């Protein structure tokens, strides 16, 4: 496995700070300089430890979203399946939470008949980007509201699209 560049950079920076601190203060009585150098080295090594820890965790099971000409299907990592037919799609909302950045905090809410949530799709789902590209092309989609929603770091539900009224049958 090739070395992880951010991890390698942290270790090299920590080693350089430690060497400069020890060599630069060896002959003088500069305890303040030595303390700062040691502090910086410890902080950088702590960053390296966090990188190692985060990369050593098992991969998180991901949700998956697929779409075709007829429907959108969301398969949750826990086996839950949900879908909505494009013709029955009544609305698109963006739900944001304050859980980020470590947990999923952006969800696409697809509304089916009678504005009921049909699919709630996490942003980290495999296939999310192609779905977003198609949703952004819906006629009347509110791109400004979508941008505001995606930038939100608080609890919020943003209405980005609603189907225009259908003529009575």
C-alpha atoms as a PDB file:
ATOM      1  CA  UNK A   1       0.000   0.000   0.000  1.00  0.00           C
ATOM      2  CA  UNK A   2       1.484   3.388  -0.968  1.00  0.00           C
ATOM      3  CA  UNK A   3       2.189   5.796   1.882  1.00  0.00           C
ATOM      4  CA  UNK A   4      -0.561   8.231   2.746  1.00  0.00           C
ATOM      5  CA  UNK A   5       0.717  11.688   1.713  1.00  0.00           C
ATOM      6  CA  UNK A   6      -1.024  13.727   4.453  1.00  0.00           C
ATOM      7  CA  UNK A   7       0.199  11.272   7.073  1.00  0.00           C
ATOM      8  CA  UNK A   8       3.733  11.323   5.653  1.00  0.00           C
ATOM      9  CA  UNK A   9       3.664  15.145   5.571  1.00  0.00           C
ATOM     10  CA  UNK A  10       2.641  15.277   9.255  1.00  0.00           C
ATOM     11  CA  UNK A  11       5.428  12.946  10.289  1.00  0.00           C
ATOM     12  CA  UNK A  12       8.060  14.848   8.249  1.00  0.00           C
ATOM     13  CA  UNK A  13       6.939  18.229   9.618  1.00  0.00           C
ATOM     14  CA  UNK A  14       6.965  16.891  13.182  1.00  0.00           C
ATOM     15  CA  UNK A  15      10.448  15.435  12.675  1.00  0.00           C
ATOM     16  CA  UNK A  16      11.740  18.734  11.239  1.00  0.00           C
ATOM     17  CA  UNK A  17      10.280  20.794  14.078  1.00  0.00           C
ATOM     18  CA  UNK A  18      11.728  18.394  16.634  1.00  0.00           C
ATOM     19  CA  UNK A  19      15.181  18.456  14.999  1.00  0.00           C
ATOM     20  CA  UNK A  20      15.259  22.249  14.641  1.00  0.00           C
ATOM     21  CA  UNK A  21      14.003  22.683  18.195  1.00  0.00           C
ATOM     22  CA  UNK A  22      16.592  20.346  19.686  1.00  0.00           C
ATOM     23  CA  UNK A  23      19.529  21.514  17.566  1.00  0.00           C
ATOM     24  CA  UNK A  24      18.634  25.213  17.693  1.00  0.00           C
ATOM     25  CA  UNK A  25      18.293  25.344  21.465  1.00  0.00           C
ATOM     26  CA  UNK A  26      21.013  22.870  22.386  1.00  0.00           C
ATOM     27  CA  UNK A  27      23.734  25.442  23.027  1.00  0.00           C
ATOM     28  CA  UNK A  28      21.532  28.234  24.354  1.00  0.00           C
ATOM     29  CA  UNK A  29      19.197  28.423  27.265  1.00  0.00           C
ATOM     30  CA  UNK A  30      16.067  29.109  25.207  1.00  0.00           C
ATOM     31  CA  UNK A  31      13.466  27.070  27.012  1.00  0.00           C
ATOM     32  CA  UNK A  32      10.600  29.082  25.484  1.00  0.00           C
ATOM     33  CA  UNK A  33      11.737  28.236  21.947  1.00  0.00           C
ATOM     34  CA  UNK A  34      12.172  24.599  22.917  1.00  0.00           C
ATOM     35  CA  UNK A  35       8.684  24.498  24.484  1.00  0.00           C
ATOM     36  CA  UNK A  36       7.067  25.963  21.364  1.00  0.00           C
ATOM     37  CA  UNK A  37       8.908  23.522  19.113  1.00  0.00           C
ATOM     38  CA  UNK A  38       7.908  20.549  21.228  1.00  0.00           C
ATOM     39  CA  UNK A  39       4.296  21.792  21.347  1.00  0.00           C
ATOM     40  CA  UNK A  40       4.162  22.130  17.540  1.00  0.00           C
ATOM     41  CA  UNK A  41       5.700  18.663  17.142  1.00  0.00           C
ATOM     42  CA  UNK A  42       3.134  17.135  19.486  1.00  0.00           C
ATOM     43  CA  UNK A  43       0.237  18.844  17.688  1.00  0.00           C
ATOM     44  CA  UNK A  44       1.468  17.670  14.279  1.00  0.00           C
ATOM     45  CA  UNK A  45       2.000  14.122  15.548  1.00  0.00           C
ATOM     46  CA  UNK A  46      -1.506  14.185  17.052  1.00  0.00           C
ATOM     47  CA  UNK A  47      -2.803  15.146  13.599  1.00  0.00           C
ATOM     48  CA  UNK A  48      -0.924  12.187  12.150  1.00  0.00           C
ATOM     49  CA  UNK A  49      -2.449   9.904  14.785  1.00  0.00           C
ATOM     50  CA  UNK A  50      -5.952  11.124  13.881  1.00  0.00           C
ATOM     51  CA  UNK A  51      -5.253  10.425  10.195  1.00  0.00           C
ATOM     52  CA  UNK A  52      -4.090   6.897  11.020  1.00  0.00           C
ATOM     53  CA  UNK A  53      -7.129   6.285  13.239  1.00  0.00           C
ATOM     54  CA  UNK A  54      -9.630   7.573  10.660  1.00  0.00           C
ATOM     55  CA  UNK A  55      -8.117   5.492   7.875  1.00  0.00           C
ATOM     56  CA  UNK A  56      -7.861   2.355   9.983  1.00  0.00           C
ATOM     57  CA  UNK A  57     -11.610   2.227  10.706  1.00  0.00           C
ATOM     58  CA  UNK A  58     -13.573  -0.237   8.605  1.00  0.00           C
ATOM     59  CA  UNK A  59     -15.312   1.319   5.622  1.00  0.00           C
ATOM     60  CA  UNK A  60     -18.805   2.547   6.322  1.00  0.00           C
ATOM     61  CA  UNK A  61     -21.544   0.749   4.457  1.00  0.00           C
ATOM     62  CA  UNK A  62     -23.020   3.186   1.978  1.00  0.00           C
ATOM     63  CA  UNK A  63     -26.493   3.732   0.703  1.00  0.00           C
ATOM     64  CA  UNK A  64     -27.013   3.450  -3.034  1.00  0.00           C
ATOM     65  CA  UNK A  65     -29.347   5.347  -5.335  1.00  0.00           C
ATOM     66  CA  UNK A  66     -30.129   4.286  -8.869  1.00  0.00           C
ATOM     67  CA  UNK A  67     -32.269   5.894 -11.515  1.00  0.00           C
ATOM     68  CA  UNK A  68     -33.547   5.044 -14.942  1.00  0.00           C
ATOM     69  CA  UNK A  69     -36.141   6.517 -17.282  1.00  0.00           C
ATOM     70  CA  UNK A  70     -38.972   5.178 -15.116  1.00  0.00           C
ATOM     71  CA  UNK A  71     -37.996   5.469 -11.449  1.00  0.00           C
ATOM     72  CA  UNK A  72     -35.544   6.390  -8.706  1.00  0.00           C
ATOM     73  CA  UNK A  73     -34.624   3.617  -6.277  1.00  0.00           C
ATOM     74  CA  UNK A  74     -32.853   4.100  -2.948  1.00  0.00           C
ATOM     75  CA  UNK A  75     -31.217   1.087  -1.300  1.00  0.00           C
ATOM     76  CA  UNK A  76     -30.185   1.765   2.292  1.00  0.00           C
ATOM     77  CA  UNK A  77     -27.096   0.098   3.740  1.00  0.00           C
ATOM     78  CA  UNK A  78     -29.424  -1.646   6.183  1.00  0.00           C
ATOM     79  CA  UNK A  79     -31.407  -3.318   3.384  1.00  0.00           C
ATOM     80  CA  UNK A  80     -34.272  -0.810   3.336  1.00  0.00           C
ATOM     81  CA  UNK A  81     -35.549  -0.132  -0.197  1.00  0.00           C
ATOM     82  CA  UNK A  82     -37.650   2.815  -1.369  1.00  0.00           C
ATOM     83  CA  UNK A  83     -38.530   4.137  -4.791  1.00  0.00           C
ATOM     84  CA  UNK A  84     -40.578   6.728  -6.594  1.00  0.00           C
ATOM     85  CA  UNK A  85     -41.661   6.803 -10.221  1.00  0.00           C
ATOM     86  CA  UNK A  86     -40.545   9.960 -12.050  1.00  0.00           C
ATOM     87  CA  UNK A  87     -44.125  10.598 -13.172  1.00  0.00           C
ATOM     88  CA  UNK A  88     -45.292  10.502  -9.542  1.00  0.00           C
ATOM     89  CA  UNK A  89     -42.517  12.744  -8.219  1.00  0.00           C
ATOM     90  CA  UNK A  90     -44.295  15.729  -6.675  1.00  0.00           C
ATOM     91  CA  UNK A  91     -41.451  17.549  -4.947  1.00  0.00           C
ATOM     92  CA  UNK A  92     -37.786  17.733  -4.039  1.00  0.00           C
ATOM     93  CA  UNK A  93     -36.571  19.066  -0.687  1.00  0.00           C
ATOM     94  CA  UNK A  94     -33.110  19.268   0.853  1.00  0.00           C
ATOM     95  CA  UNK A  95     -32.929  18.326   4.527  1.00  0.00           C
ATOM     96  CA  UNK A  96     -29.857  19.454   6.465  1.00  0.00           C
ATOM     97  CA  UNK A  97     -28.849  18.625  10.014  1.00  0.00           C
ATOM     98  CA  UNK A  98     -26.179  19.869  12.383  1.00  0.00           C
ATOM     99  CA  UNK A  99     -24.541  16.414  12.534  1.00  0.00           C
ATOM    100  CA  UNK A 100     -21.746  17.183  10.055  1.00  0.00           C
ATOM    101  CA  UNK A 101     -18.989  17.029   9.213  1.00  0.00           C
ATOM    102  CA  UNK A 102     -18.417  13.569  10.711  1.00  0.00           C
ATOM    103  CA  UNK A 103     -21.907  12.220  10.117  1.00  0.00           C
ATOM    104  CA  UNK A 104     -24.233  12.471   7.152  1.00  0.00           C
ATOM    105  CA  UNK A 105     -25.856  15.904   7.316  1.00  0.00           C
ATOM    106  CA  UNK A 106     -27.439  16.509   3.890  1.00  0.00           C
ATOM    107  CA  UNK A 107     -30.360  14.486   2.554  1.00  0.00           C
ATOM    108  CA  UNK A 108     -32.381  14.729  -0.625  1.00  0.00           C
ATOM    109  CA  UNK A 109     -36.076  14.191   0.140  1.00  0.00           C
ATOM    110  CA  UNK A 110     -38.116  13.030  -2.858  1.00  0.00           C
ATOM    111  CA  UNK A 111     -41.835  13.495  -2.413  1.00  0.00           C
ATOM    112  CA  UNK A 112     -44.283  11.092  -3.991  1.00  0.00           C
ATOM    113  CA  UNK A 113     -48.050  11.202  -4.309  1.00  0.00           C
ATOM    114  CA  UNK A 114     -49.776  13.594  -1.894  1.00  0.00           C
ATOM    115  CA  UNK A 115     -46.388  15.159  -1.000  1.00  0.00           C
ATOM    116  CA  UNK A 116     -45.457  12.149   1.147  1.00  0.00           C
ATOM    117  CA  UNK A 117     -41.717  11.441   1.480  1.00  0.00           C
ATOM    118  CA  UNK A 118     -40.993   8.542  -0.874  1.00  0.00           C
ATOM    119  CA  UNK A 119     -37.190   8.479  -0.590  1.00  0.00           C
ATOM    120  CA  UNK A 120     -34.780  10.172   1.821  1.00  0.00           C
ATOM    121  CA  UNK A 121     -31.346   9.871   0.252  1.00  0.00           C
ATOM    122  CA  UNK A 122     -28.100  10.746   2.098  1.00  0.00           C
ATOM    123  CA  UNK A 123     -25.636  12.895   0.149  1.00  0.00           C
ATOM    124  CA  UNK A 124     -22.937  10.256   0.589  1.00  0.00           C
ATOM    125  CA  UNK A 125     -24.937   7.624  -1.285  1.00  0.00           C
ATOM    126  CA  UNK A 126     -23.340   5.976  -4.283  1.00  0.00           C
ATOM    127  CA  UNK A 127     -25.066   7.387  -7.370  1.00  0.00           C
ATOM    128  CA  UNK A 128     -26.060  10.648  -5.649  1.00  0.00           C
ATOM    129  CA  UNK A 129     -24.288  12.976  -8.094  1.00  0.00           C
ATOM    130  CA  UNK A 130     -26.013  11.678 -11.258  1.00  0.00           C
ATOM    131  CA  UNK A 131     -29.358  11.978  -9.455  1.00  0.00           C
ATOM    132  CA  UNK A 132     -28.608  15.572  -8.468  1.00  0.00           C
ATOM    133  CA  UNK A 133     -27.721  16.414 -12.064  1.00  0.00           C
ATOM    134  CA  UNK A 134     -31.089  15.108 -13.231  1.00  0.00           C
ATOM    135  CA  UNK A 135     -33.039  16.752 -10.404  1.00  0.00           C
ATOM    136  CA  UNK A 136     -31.384  20.115 -11.085  1.00  0.00           C
ATOM    137  CA  UNK A 137     -32.797  19.930 -14.627  1.00  0.00           C
ATOM    138  CA  UNK A 138     -36.426  19.661 -13.461  1.00  0.00           C
ATOM    139  CA  UNK A 139     -38.479  22.564 -14.855  1.00  0.00           C
ATOM    140  CA  UNK A 140     -38.863  25.305 -12.244  1.00  0.00           C
ATOM    141  CA  UNK A 141     -36.201  23.902  -9.897  1.00  0.00           C
ATOM    142  CA  UNK A 142     -35.086  26.622  -7.435  1.00  0.00           C
ATOM    143  CA  UNK A 143     -31.306  26.579  -7.860  1.00  0.00           C
ATOM    144  CA  UNK A 144     -30.736  29.445  -5.419  1.00  0.00           C
ATOM    145  CA  UNK A 145     -32.635  27.661  -2.658  1.00  0.00           C
ATOM    146  CA  UNK A 146     -30.673  24.490  -3.424  1.00  0.00           C
ATOM    147  CA  UNK A 147     -27.361  26.356  -3.024  1.00  0.00           C
ATOM    148  CA  UNK A 148     -28.550  27.926   0.258  1.00  0.00           C
ATOM    149  CA  UNK A 149     -29.659  24.525   1.527  1.00  0.00           C
ATOM    150  CA  UNK A 150     -26.406  22.794   0.616  1.00  0.00           C
ATOM    151  CA  UNK A 151     -24.457  25.491   2.490  1.00  0.00           C
ATOM    152  CA  UNK A 152     -26.558  25.177   5.642  1.00  0.00           C
ATOM    153  CA  UNK A 153     -25.002  23.663   8.744  1.00  0.00           C
ATOM    154  CA  UNK A 154     -28.172  23.774  10.820  1.00  0.00           C
ATOM    155  CA  UNK A 155     -31.436  21.885  11.069  1.00  0.00           C
ATOM    156  CA  UNK A 156     -33.371  22.957   7.967  1.00  0.00           C
ATOM    157  CA  UNK A 157     -35.723  21.640   5.310  1.00  0.00           C
ATOM    158  CA  UNK A 158     -35.638  23.582   2.058  1.00  0.00           C
ATOM    159  CA  UNK A 159     -38.246  23.346  -0.684  1.00  0.00           C
ATOM    160  CA  UNK A 160     -36.393  23.244  -4.009  1.00  0.00           C
ATOM    161  CA  UNK A 161     -39.039  21.984  -6.416  1.00  0.00           C
ATOM    162  CA  UNK A 162     -42.734  21.262  -6.593  1.00  0.00           C
ATOM    163  CA  UNK A 163     -44.552  19.837  -9.588  1.00  0.00           C
ATOM    164  CA  UNK A 164     -46.769  22.346 -11.313  1.00  0.00           C
ATOM    165  CA  UNK A 165     -50.485  21.683 -10.846  1.00  0.00           C
ATOM    166  CA  UNK A 166     -51.781  18.981 -13.121  1.00  0.00           C
ATOM    167  CA  UNK A 167     -55.008  19.537 -15.015  1.00  0.00           C
ATOM    168  CA  UNK A 168     -57.986  17.705 -13.542  1.00  0.00           C
ATOM    169  CA  UNK A 169     -58.798  14.455 -15.309  1.00  0.00           C
END
